[in-house]
């Protein structure tokens, strides 16, 4: 878990949020109003990136999210290279956000 938190910290999130309902055991690294990466505090073989509707999506169960019904959710398994995949998604989001602000 320390390694996962260290990866999140290196990416410099705007803030952290705590999951509710079905995501009560998760914390989220918030990289913008519409981009949160959720990580399980106790257990987990994946993190979940949620976009525009993250407040609503974070109330769904992990099984509902894994069913793949939600386009706004990206599941990244904790396999070798997961941190690079997360970094690429955060970098792409930040690039997209900068373009919107111009």
PDB file of N, CA and C in Angstrom:
ATOM      1  N   UNK A   1       0.826  -1.193   0.000  1.00  0.00           N
ATOM      2  CA  UNK A   1       0.000   0.000   0.000  1.00  0.00           C
ATOM      3  C   UNK A   1       0.869   1.256   0.000  1.00  0.00           C
ATOM      4  N   UNK A   2       1.979   1.212   0.704  1.00  0.00           N
ATOM      5  CA  UNK A   2       2.864   2.392   0.740  1.00  0.00           C
ATOM      6  C   UNK A   2       3.366   2.732  -0.664  1.00  0.00           C
ATOM      7  N   UNK A   3       3.700   1.692  -1.426  1.00  0.00           N
ATOM      8  CA  UNK A   3       4.167   1.909  -2.791  1.00  0.00           C
ATOM      9  C   UNK A   3       3.074   2.575  -3.630  1.00  0.00           C
ATOM     10  N   UNK A   4       1.848   2.101  -3.485  1.00  0.00           N
ATOM     11  CA  UNK A   4       0.744   2.671  -4.253  1.00  0.00           C
ATOM     12  C   UNK A   4       0.502   4.130  -3.879  1.00  0.00           C
ATOM     13  N   UNK A   5       0.566   4.426  -2.594  1.00  0.00           N
ATOM     14  CA  UNK A   5       0.397   5.810  -2.157  1.00  0.00           C
ATOM     15  C   UNK A   5       1.552   6.673  -2.649  1.00  0.00           C
ATOM     16  N   UNK A   6       2.767   6.125  -2.646  1.00  0.00           N
ATOM     17  CA  UNK A   6       3.927   6.870  -3.143  1.00  0.00           C
ATOM     18  C   UNK A   6       3.760   7.209  -4.622  1.00  0.00           C
ATOM     19  N   UNK A   7       3.232   6.267  -5.405  1.00  0.00           N
ATOM     20  CA  UNK A   7       2.985   6.527  -6.828  1.00  0.00           C
ATOM     21  C   UNK A   7       1.989   7.667  -6.980  1.00  0.00           C
ATOM     22  N   UNK A   8       0.899   7.615  -6.217  1.00  0.00           N
ATOM     23  CA  UNK A   8      -0.111   8.686  -6.279  1.00  0.00           C
ATOM     24  C   UNK A   8       0.510  10.031  -5.908  1.00  0.00           C
ATOM     25  N   UNK A   9       1.300  10.053  -4.829  1.00  0.00           N
ATOM     26  CA  UNK A   9       1.919  11.306  -4.383  1.00  0.00           C
ATOM     27  C   UNK A   9       2.856  11.886  -5.432  1.00  0.00           C
ATOM     28  N   UNK A  10       3.612  11.020  -6.117  1.00  0.00           N
ATOM     29  CA  UNK A  10       4.529  11.501  -7.162  1.00  0.00           C
ATOM     30  C   UNK A  10       3.773  12.206  -8.288  1.00  0.00           C
ATOM     31  N   UNK A  11       2.532  11.785  -8.524  1.00  0.00           N
ATOM     32  CA  UNK A  11       1.717  12.400  -9.586  1.00  0.00           C
ATOM     33  C   UNK A  11       1.075  13.709  -9.142  1.00  0.00           C
ATOM     34  N   UNK A  12       1.245  14.067  -7.895  1.00  0.00           N
ATOM     35  CA  UNK A  12       0.759  15.336  -7.332  1.00  0.00           C
ATOM     36  C   UNK A  12      -0.733  15.577  -7.563  1.00  0.00           C
ATOM     37  N   UNK A  13      -1.582  14.799  -6.922  1.00  0.00           N
ATOM     38  CA  UNK A  13      -3.020  15.047  -7.058  1.00  0.00           C
ATOM     39  C   UNK A  13      -3.401  16.382  -6.425  1.00  0.00           C
ATOM     40  N   UNK A  14      -4.519  16.932  -6.874  1.00  0.00           N
ATOM     41  CA  UNK A  14      -5.022  18.180  -6.302  1.00  0.00           C
ATOM     42  C   UNK A  14      -5.436  17.980  -4.851  1.00  0.00           C
ATOM     43  N   UNK A  15      -6.013  16.807  -4.568  1.00  0.00           N
ATOM     44  CA  UNK A  15      -6.458  16.473  -3.211  1.00  0.00           C
ATOM     45  C   UNK A  15      -6.765  14.989  -3.156  1.00  0.00           C
ATOM     46  N   UNK A  16      -7.099  14.531  -1.972  1.00  0.00           N
ATOM     47  CA  UNK A  16      -7.537  13.157  -1.787  1.00  0.00           C
ATOM     48  C   UNK A  16      -8.976  13.163  -1.291  1.00  0.00           C
ATOM     49  N   UNK A  17      -9.724  12.156  -1.682  1.00  0.00           N
ATOM     50  CA  UNK A  17     -11.096  11.991  -1.217  1.00  0.00           C
ATOM     51  C   UNK A  17     -11.223  10.582  -0.641  1.00  0.00           C
ATOM     52  N   UNK A  18     -12.229  10.403   0.181  1.00  0.00           N
ATOM     53  CA  UNK A  18     -12.502   9.092   0.760  1.00  0.00           C
ATOM     54  C   UNK A  18     -13.779   8.569   0.154  1.00  0.00           C
ATOM     55  N   UNK A  19     -13.750   7.314  -0.282  1.00  0.00           N
ATOM     56  CA  UNK A  19     -14.920   6.702  -0.888  1.00  0.00           C
ATOM     57  C   UNK A  19     -16.055   6.529   0.108  1.00  0.00           C
ATOM     58  N   UNK A  20     -17.259   6.413  -0.420  1.00  0.00           N
ATOM     59  CA  UNK A  20     -18.434   6.197   0.405  1.00  0.00           C
ATOM     60  C   UNK A  20     -19.177   4.969  -0.098  1.00  0.00           C
ATOM     61  N   UNK A  21     -20.174   4.558   0.631  1.00  0.00           N
ATOM     62  CA  UNK A  21     -21.035   3.437   0.275  1.00  0.00           C
ATOM     63  C   UNK A  21     -20.187   2.223  -0.080  1.00  0.00           C
ATOM     64  N   UNK A  22     -20.304   1.723  -1.300  1.00  0.00           N
ATOM     65  CA  UNK A  22     -19.558   0.534  -1.706  1.00  0.00           C
ATOM     66  C   UNK A  22     -18.055   0.777  -1.849  1.00  0.00           C
ATOM     67  N   UNK A  23     -17.653   2.030  -1.918  1.00  0.00           N
ATOM     68  CA  UNK A  23     -16.233   2.363  -2.048  1.00  0.00           C
ATOM     69  C   UNK A  23     -15.684   2.922  -0.728  1.00  0.00           C
ATOM     70  N   UNK A  24     -16.306   2.534   0.395  1.00  0.00           N
ATOM     71  CA  UNK A  24     -15.905   3.056   1.701  1.00  0.00           C
ATOM     72  C   UNK A  24     -14.478   2.676   2.071  1.00  0.00           C
ATOM     73  N   UNK A  25     -13.956   1.605   1.520  1.00  0.00           N
ATOM     74  CA  UNK A  25     -12.585   1.185   1.822  1.00  0.00           C
ATOM     75  C   UNK A  25     -11.574   1.757   0.827  1.00  0.00           C
ATOM     76  N   UNK A  26     -11.994   2.690   0.041  1.00  0.00           N
ATOM     77  CA  UNK A  26     -11.130   3.277  -0.987  1.00  0.00           C
ATOM     78  C   UNK A  26     -10.788   4.716  -0.654  1.00  0.00           C
ATOM     79  N   UNK A  27      -9.611   5.122  -1.098  1.00  0.00           N
ATOM     80  CA  UNK A  27      -9.296   6.550  -1.112  1.00  0.00           C
ATOM     81  C   UNK A  27      -9.101   6.923  -2.570  1.00  0.00           C
ATOM     82  N   UNK A  28      -9.340   8.165  -2.878  1.00  0.00           N
ATOM     83  CA  UNK A  28      -9.201   8.617  -4.251  1.00  0.00           C
ATOM     84  C   UNK A  28      -8.213   9.760  -4.354  1.00  0.00           C
ATOM     85  N   UNK A  29      -7.366   9.686  -5.356  1.00  0.00           N
ATOM     86  CA  UNK A  29      -6.467  10.785  -5.678  1.00  0.00           C
ATOM     87  C   UNK A  29      -7.172  11.603  -6.757  1.00  0.00           C
ATOM     88  N   UNK A  30      -7.521  12.818  -6.411  1.00  0.00           N
ATOM     89  CA  UNK A  30      -8.292  13.675  -7.304  1.00  0.00           C
ATOM     90  C   UNK A  30      -7.335  14.561  -8.106  1.00  0.00           C
ATOM     91  N   UNK A  31      -7.346  14.373  -9.429  1.00  0.00           N
ATOM     92  CA  UNK A  31      -6.455  15.123 -10.303  1.00  0.00           C
ATOM     93  C   UNK A  31      -7.174  16.250 -11.031  1.00  0.00           C
ATOM     94  N   UNK A  32      -8.431  16.418 -10.767  1.00  0.00           N
ATOM     95  CA  UNK A  32      -9.259  17.462 -11.354  1.00  0.00           C
ATOM     96  C   UNK A  32     -10.686  17.208 -10.909  1.00  0.00           C
ATOM     97  N   UNK A  33     -11.569  18.116 -11.235  1.00  0.00           N
ATOM     98  CA  UNK A  33     -12.971  17.942 -10.832  1.00  0.00           C
ATOM     99  C   UNK A  33     -13.609  16.717 -11.461  1.00  0.00           C
ATOM    100  N   UNK A  34     -13.047  16.249 -12.567  1.00  0.00           N
ATOM    101  CA  UNK A  34     -13.659  15.142 -13.297  1.00  0.00           C
ATOM    102  C   UNK A  34     -12.670  13.999 -13.568  1.00  0.00           C
ATOM    103  N   UNK A  35     -11.754  13.771 -12.618  1.00  0.00           N
ATOM    104  CA  UNK A  35     -10.789  12.675 -12.753  1.00  0.00           C
ATOM    105  C   UNK A  35     -10.294  12.266 -11.371  1.00  0.00           C
ATOM    106  N   UNK A  36     -10.690  11.068 -10.931  1.00  0.00           N
ATOM    107  CA  UNK A  36     -10.265  10.545  -9.629  1.00  0.00           C
ATOM    108  C   UNK A  36      -9.793   9.105  -9.817  1.00  0.00           C
ATOM    109  N   UNK A  37      -8.649   8.792  -9.230  1.00  0.00           N
ATOM    110  CA  UNK A  37      -8.136   7.416  -9.239  1.00  0.00           C
ATOM    111  C   UNK A  37      -8.359   6.838  -7.847  1.00  0.00           C
ATOM    112  N   UNK A  38      -9.207   5.795  -7.758  1.00  0.00           N
ATOM    113  CA  UNK A  38      -9.542   5.177  -6.480  1.00  0.00           C
ATOM    114  C   UNK A  38      -8.701   3.934  -6.235  1.00  0.00           C
ATOM    115  N   UNK A  39      -8.212   3.830  -5.008  1.00  0.00           N
ATOM    116  CA  UNK A  39      -7.370   2.717  -4.586  1.00  0.00           C
ATOM    117  C   UNK A  39      -7.929   2.167  -3.281  1.00  0.00           C
ATOM    118  N   UNK A  40      -7.954   0.829  -3.141  1.00  0.00           N
ATOM    119  CA  UNK A  40      -8.467   0.197  -1.937  1.00  0.00           C
ATOM    120  C   UNK A  40      -7.446   0.306  -0.817  1.00  0.00           C
ATOM    121  N   UNK A  41      -7.896   0.664   0.371  1.00  0.00           N
ATOM    122  CA  UNK A  41      -7.014   0.851   1.520  1.00  0.00           C
ATOM    123  C   UNK A  41      -6.467  -0.477   2.024  1.00  0.00           C
ATOM    124  N   UNK A  42      -7.281  -1.528   2.016  1.00  0.00           N
ATOM    125  CA  UNK A  42      -6.890  -2.800   2.621  1.00  0.00           C
ATOM    126  C   UNK A  42      -6.491  -3.867   1.617  1.00  0.00           C
ATOM    127  N   UNK A  43      -7.167  -3.902   0.502  1.00  0.00           N
ATOM    128  CA  UNK A  43      -6.958  -4.993  -0.441  1.00  0.00           C
ATOM    129  C   UNK A  43      -7.274  -4.482  -1.831  1.00  0.00           C
ATOM    130  N   UNK A  44      -6.691  -5.085  -2.795  1.00  0.00           N
ATOM    131  CA  UNK A  44      -7.071  -4.723  -4.140  1.00  0.00           C
ATOM    132  C   UNK A  44      -6.037  -5.123  -5.151  1.00  0.00           C
ATOM    133  N   UNK A  45      -6.522  -5.619  -6.263  1.00  0.00           N
ATOM    134  CA  UNK A  45      -5.595  -5.949  -7.327  1.00  0.00           C
ATOM    135  C   UNK A  45      -5.770  -4.993  -8.489  1.00  0.00           C
ATOM    136  N   UNK A  46      -6.525  -3.921  -8.253  1.00  0.00           N
ATOM    137  CA  UNK A  46      -6.732  -2.934  -9.312  1.00  0.00           C
ATOM    138  C   UNK A  46      -7.119  -1.598  -8.707  1.00  0.00           C
ATOM    139  N   UNK A  47      -6.849  -0.565  -9.455  1.00  0.00           N
ATOM    140  CA  UNK A  47      -7.368   0.751  -9.096  1.00  0.00           C
ATOM    141  C   UNK A  47      -8.368   1.143 -10.164  1.00  0.00           C
ATOM    142  N   UNK A  48      -9.208   2.091  -9.843  1.00  0.00           N
ATOM    143  CA  UNK A  48     -10.278   2.501 -10.747  1.00  0.00           C
ATOM    144  C   UNK A  48     -10.176   3.998 -10.996  1.00  0.00           C
ATOM    145  N   UNK A  49     -10.075   4.363 -12.258  1.00  0.00           N
ATOM    146  CA  UNK A  49     -10.122   5.774 -12.642  1.00  0.00           C
ATOM    147  C   UNK A  49     -11.562   6.074 -13.024  1.00  0.00           C
ATOM    148  N   UNK A  50     -12.088   7.121 -12.440  1.00  0.00           N
ATOM    149  CA  UNK A  50     -13.457   7.543 -12.752  1.00  0.00           C
ATOM    150  C   UNK A  50     -13.417   8.989 -13.225  1.00  0.00           C
ATOM    151  N   UNK A  51     -14.210   9.259 -14.240  1.00  0.00           N
ATOM    152  CA  UNK A  51     -14.193  10.584 -14.850  1.00  0.00           C
ATOM    153  C   UNK A  51     -15.399  11.411 -14.426  1.00  0.00           C
ATOM    154  N   UNK A  52     -16.138  11.957 -15.361  1.00  0.00           N
ATOM    155  CA  UNK A  52     -17.160  12.963 -15.104  1.00  0.00           C
ATOM    156  C   UNK A  52     -18.119  12.634 -13.962  1.00  0.00           C
ATOM    157  N   UNK A  53     -18.604  11.451 -13.900  1.00  0.00           N
ATOM    158  CA  UNK A  53     -19.618  11.089 -12.904  1.00  0.00           C
ATOM    159  C   UNK A  53     -19.017  10.339 -11.721  1.00  0.00           C
ATOM    160  N   UNK A  54     -17.827  10.689 -11.287  1.00  0.00           N
ATOM    161  CA  UNK A  54     -17.147   9.899 -10.273  1.00  0.00           C
ATOM    162  C   UNK A  54     -17.904   9.857  -8.956  1.00  0.00           C
ATOM    163  N   UNK A  55     -18.641  10.932  -8.614  1.00  0.00           N
ATOM    164  CA  UNK A  55     -19.383  10.914  -7.351  1.00  0.00           C
ATOM    165  C   UNK A  55     -20.450   9.815  -7.367  1.00  0.00           C
ATOM    166  N   UNK A  56     -21.129   9.657  -8.488  1.00  0.00           N
ATOM    167  CA  UNK A  56     -22.157   8.623  -8.621  1.00  0.00           C
ATOM    168  C   UNK A  56     -21.516   7.253  -8.802  1.00  0.00           C
ATOM    169  N   UNK A  57     -20.516   7.172  -9.654  1.00  0.00           N
ATOM    170  CA  UNK A  57     -19.866   5.888  -9.929  1.00  0.00           C
ATOM    171  C   UNK A  57     -19.210   5.297  -8.684  1.00  0.00           C
ATOM    172  N   UNK A  58     -18.680   6.149  -7.825  1.00  0.00           N
ATOM    173  CA  UNK A  58     -17.996   5.648  -6.633  1.00  0.00           C
ATOM    174  C   UNK A  58     -18.974   5.031  -5.637  1.00  0.00           C
ATOM    175  N   UNK A  59     -20.255   5.151  -5.881  1.00  0.00           N
ATOM    176  CA  UNK A  59     -21.254   4.514  -5.021  1.00  0.00           C
ATOM    177  C   UNK A  59     -21.663   3.134  -5.543  1.00  0.00           C
ATOM    178  N   UNK A  60     -21.200   2.788  -6.733  1.00  0.00           N
ATOM    179  CA  UNK A  60     -21.482   1.464  -7.305  1.00  0.00           C
ATOM    180  C   UNK A  60     -20.584   0.427  -6.652  1.00  0.00           C
ATOM    181  N   UNK A  61     -20.983  -0.816  -6.753  1.00  0.00           N
ATOM    182  CA  UNK A  61     -20.129  -1.877  -6.211  1.00  0.00           C
ATOM    183  C   UNK A  61     -18.977  -2.158  -7.171  1.00  0.00           C
ATOM    184  N   UNK A  62     -17.936  -2.750  -6.639  1.00  0.00           N
ATOM    185  CA  UNK A  62     -16.784  -3.121  -7.461  1.00  0.00           C
ATOM    186  C   UNK A  62     -17.223  -4.088  -8.560  1.00  0.00           C
ATOM    187  N   UNK A  63     -18.140  -4.988  -8.232  1.00  0.00           N
ATOM    188  CA  UNK A  63     -18.628  -5.946  -9.234  1.00  0.00           C
ATOM    189  C   UNK A  63     -19.381  -5.245 -10.352  1.00  0.00           C
ATOM    190  N   UNK A  64     -20.167  -4.227 -10.013  1.00  0.00           N
ATOM    191  CA  UNK A  64     -20.869  -3.466 -11.055  1.00  0.00           C
ATOM    192  C   UNK A  64     -19.874  -2.769 -11.971  1.00  0.00           C
ATOM    193  N   UNK A  65     -18.826  -2.216 -11.385  1.00  0.00           N
ATOM    194  CA  UNK A  65     -17.824  -1.516 -12.199  1.00  0.00           C
ATOM    195  C   UNK A  65     -17.039  -2.493 -13.071  1.00  0.00           C
ATOM    196  N   UNK A  66     -16.738  -3.661 -12.529  1.00  0.00           N
ATOM    197  CA  UNK A  66     -15.976  -4.658 -13.286  1.00  0.00           C
ATOM    198  C   UNK A  66     -16.795  -5.238 -14.435  1.00  0.00           C
ATOM    199  N   UNK A  67     -18.109  -5.134 -14.357  1.00  0.00           N
ATOM    200  CA  UNK A  67     -18.967  -5.658 -15.428  1.00  0.00           C
ATOM    201  C   UNK A  67     -18.776  -4.871 -16.717  1.00  0.00           C
ATOM    202  N   UNK A  68     -18.130  -3.706 -16.621  1.00  0.00           N
ATOM    203  CA  UNK A  68     -17.789  -2.948 -17.815  1.00  0.00           C
ATOM    204  C   UNK A  68     -18.926  -2.172 -18.441  1.00  0.00           C
ATOM    205  N   UNK A  69     -19.935  -1.838 -17.665  1.00  0.00           N
ATOM    206  CA  UNK A  69     -21.087  -1.111 -18.194  1.00  0.00           C
ATOM    207  C   UNK A  69     -20.842   0.390 -18.282  1.00  0.00           C
ATOM    208  N   UNK A  70     -19.787   0.859 -17.656  1.00  0.00           N
ATOM    209  CA  UNK A  70     -19.586   2.295 -17.525  1.00  0.00           C
ATOM    210  C   UNK A  70     -18.358   2.737 -18.310  1.00  0.00           C
ATOM    211  N   UNK A  71     -18.578   3.556 -19.329  1.00  0.00           N
ATOM    212  CA  UNK A  71     -17.482   4.042 -20.157  1.00  0.00           C
ATOM    213  C   UNK A  71     -16.551   4.975 -19.392  1.00  0.00           C
ATOM    214  N   UNK A  72     -17.062   5.575 -18.316  1.00  0.00           N
ATOM    215  CA  UNK A  72     -16.280   6.546 -17.553  1.00  0.00           C
ATOM    216  C   UNK A  72     -15.319   5.900 -16.569  1.00  0.00           C
ATOM    217  N   UNK A  73     -15.260   4.557 -16.530  1.00  0.00           N
ATOM    218  CA  UNK A  73     -14.416   3.849 -15.571  1.00  0.00           C
ATOM    219  C   UNK A  73     -13.313   3.096 -16.305  1.00  0.00           C
ATOM    220  N   UNK A  74     -12.095   3.291 -15.825  1.00  0.00           N
ATOM    221  CA  UNK A  74     -10.951   2.562 -16.352  1.00  0.00           C
ATOM    222  C   UNK A  74     -10.378   1.753 -15.194  1.00  0.00           C
ATOM    223  N   UNK A  75     -10.236   0.461 -15.399  1.00  0.00           N
ATOM    224  CA  UNK A  75      -9.693  -0.431 -14.369  1.00  0.00           C
ATOM    225  C   UNK A  75      -8.258  -0.762 -14.744  1.00  0.00           C
ATOM    226  N   UNK A  76      -7.344  -0.505 -13.810  1.00  0.00           N
ATOM    227  CA  UNK A  76      -5.926  -0.803 -14.020  1.00  0.00           C
ATOM    228  C   UNK A  76      -5.505  -1.834 -12.985  1.00  0.00           C
ATOM    229  N   UNK A  77      -5.203  -3.038 -13.447  1.00  0.00           N
ATOM    230  CA  UNK A  77      -4.762  -4.094 -12.541  1.00  0.00           C
ATOM    231  C   UNK A  77      -3.341  -3.807 -12.066  1.00  0.00           C
ATOM    232  N   UNK A  78      -3.056  -4.209 -10.837  1.00  0.00           N
ATOM    233  CA  UNK A  78      -1.725  -4.026 -10.267  1.00  0.00           C
ATOM    234  C   UNK A  78      -0.797  -5.139 -10.741  1.00  0.00           C
ATOM    235  N   UNK A  79      -0.397  -4.982 -11.975  1.00  0.00           N
ATOM    236  CA  UNK A  79       0.580  -5.878 -12.597  1.00  0.00           C
ATOM    237  C   UNK A  79       1.807  -5.019 -12.918  1.00  0.00           C
ATOM    238  N   UNK A  80       2.912  -5.636 -13.259  1.00  0.00           N
ATOM    239  CA  UNK A  80       4.083  -4.827 -13.613  1.00  0.00           C
ATOM    240  C   UNK A  80       3.714  -3.772 -14.662  1.00  0.00           C
ATOM    241  N   UNK A  81       4.091  -2.543 -14.376  1.00  0.00           N
ATOM    242  CA  UNK A  81       3.819  -1.436 -15.286  1.00  0.00           C
ATOM    243  C   UNK A  81       2.536  -0.682 -14.992  1.00  0.00           C
ATOM    244  N   UNK A  82       1.785  -1.079 -13.954  1.00  0.00           N
ATOM    245  CA  UNK A  82       0.525  -0.395 -13.649  1.00  0.00           C
ATOM    246  C   UNK A  82       0.753   1.094 -13.374  1.00  0.00           C
ATOM    247  N   UNK A  83       1.865   1.404 -12.705  1.00  0.00           N
ATOM    248  CA  UNK A  83       2.140   2.799 -12.372  1.00  0.00           C
ATOM    249  C   UNK A  83       2.385   3.639 -13.629  1.00  0.00           C
ATOM    250  N   UNK A  84       3.018   3.053 -14.632  1.00  0.00           N
ATOM    251  CA  UNK A  84       3.210   3.757 -15.902  1.00  0.00           C
ATOM    252  C   UNK A  84       1.894   3.974 -16.629  1.00  0.00           C
ATOM    253  N   UNK A  85       0.992   2.994 -16.535  1.00  0.00           N
ATOM    254  CA  UNK A  85      -0.325   3.142 -17.154  1.00  0.00           C
ATOM    255  C   UNK A  85      -1.098   4.256 -16.477  1.00  0.00           C
ATOM    256  N   UNK A  86      -1.077   4.286 -15.145  1.00  0.00           N
ATOM    257  CA  UNK A  86      -1.750   5.362 -14.415  1.00  0.00           C
ATOM    258  C   UNK A  86      -1.151   6.713 -14.786  1.00  0.00           C
ATOM    259  N   UNK A  87       0.167   6.791 -14.807  1.00  0.00           N
ATOM    260  CA  UNK A  87       0.841   8.045 -15.152  1.00  0.00           C
ATOM    261  C   UNK A  87       0.425   8.518 -16.544  1.00  0.00           C
ATOM    262  N   UNK A  88       0.339   7.608 -17.499  1.00  0.00           N
ATOM    263  CA  UNK A  88      -0.068   7.969 -18.861  1.00  0.00           C
ATOM    264  C   UNK A  88      -1.482   8.530 -18.880  1.00  0.00           C
ATOM    265  N   UNK A  89      -2.390   7.937 -18.107  1.00  0.00           N
ATOM    266  CA  UNK A  89      -3.770   8.449 -18.051  1.00  0.00           C
ATOM    267  C   UNK A  89      -3.822   9.828 -17.404  1.00  0.00           C
ATOM    268  N   UNK A  90      -3.066  10.019 -16.335  1.00  0.00           N
ATOM    269  CA  UNK A  90      -3.036  11.324 -15.665  1.00  0.00           C
ATOM    270  C   UNK A  90      -2.433  12.370 -16.594  1.00  0.00           C
ATOM    271  N   UNK A  91      -1.334  12.036 -17.259  1.00  0.00           N
ATOM    272  CA  UNK A  91      -0.703  12.981 -18.188  1.00  0.00           C
ATOM    273  C   UNK A  91      -1.642  13.343 -19.328  1.00  0.00           C
ATOM    274  N   UNK A  92      -2.340  12.358 -19.880  1.00  0.00           N
ATOM    275  CA  UNK A  92      -3.284  12.625 -20.977  1.00  0.00           C
ATOM    276  C   UNK A  92      -4.419  13.521 -20.496  1.00  0.00           C
ATOM    277  N   UNK A  93      -4.918  13.270 -19.292  1.00  0.00           N
ATOM    278  CA  UNK A  93      -5.980  14.102 -18.734  1.00  0.00           C
ATOM    279  C   UNK A  93      -5.498  15.542 -18.558  1.00  0.00           C
ATOM    280  N   UNK A  94      -4.319  15.702 -18.000  1.00  0.00           N
ATOM    281  CA  UNK A  94      -3.789  17.056 -17.780  1.00  0.00           C
ATOM    282  C   UNK A  94      -3.566  17.782 -19.103  1.00  0.00           C
ATOM    283  N   UNK A  95      -3.095  17.081 -20.099  1.00  0.00           N
ATOM    284  CA  UNK A  95      -2.902  17.675 -21.423  1.00  0.00           C
ATOM    285  C   UNK A  95      -4.252  18.121 -21.994  1.00  0.00           C
ATOM    286  N   UNK A  96      -5.247  17.245 -21.895  1.00  0.00           N
ATOM    287  CA  UNK A  96      -6.600  17.554 -22.378  1.00  0.00           C
ATOM    288  C   UNK A  96      -7.170  18.761 -21.635  1.00  0.00           C
ATOM    289  N   UNK A  97      -6.950  18.814 -20.336  1.00  0.00           N
ATOM    290  CA  UNK A  97      -7.463  19.930 -19.527  1.00  0.00           C
ATOM    291  C   UNK A  97      -6.791  21.245 -19.913  1.00  0.00           C
ATOM    292  N   UNK A  98      -5.481  21.205 -20.146  1.00  0.00           N
ATOM    293  CA  UNK A  98      -4.778  22.434 -20.572  1.00  0.00           C
ATOM    294  C   UNK A  98      -5.310  22.942 -21.898  1.00  0.00           C
ATOM    295  N   UNK A  99      -5.585  22.008 -22.838  1.00  0.00           N
ATOM    296  CA  UNK A  99      -6.118  22.412 -24.136  1.00  0.00           C
ATOM    297  C   UNK A  99      -7.492  23.054 -23.984  1.00  0.00           C
ATOM    298  N   UNK A 100      -8.321  22.555 -23.074  1.00  0.00           N
ATOM    299  CA  UNK A 100      -9.650  23.123 -22.851  1.00  0.00           C
ATOM    300  C   UNK A 100      -9.561  24.532 -22.293  1.00  0.00           C
ATOM    301  N   UNK A 101      -8.514  24.788 -21.518  1.00  0.00           N
ATOM    302  CA  UNK A 101      -8.376  26.107 -20.881  1.00  0.00           C
ATOM    303  C   UNK A 101      -7.836  27.168 -21.832  1.00  0.00           C
ATOM    304  N   UNK A 102      -7.249  26.753 -22.929  1.00  0.00           N
ATOM    305  CA  UNK A 102      -6.686  27.731 -23.884  1.00  0.00           C
ATOM    306  C   UNK A 102      -7.734  28.374 -24.728  1.00  0.00           C
TER     307      UNK A 102
END
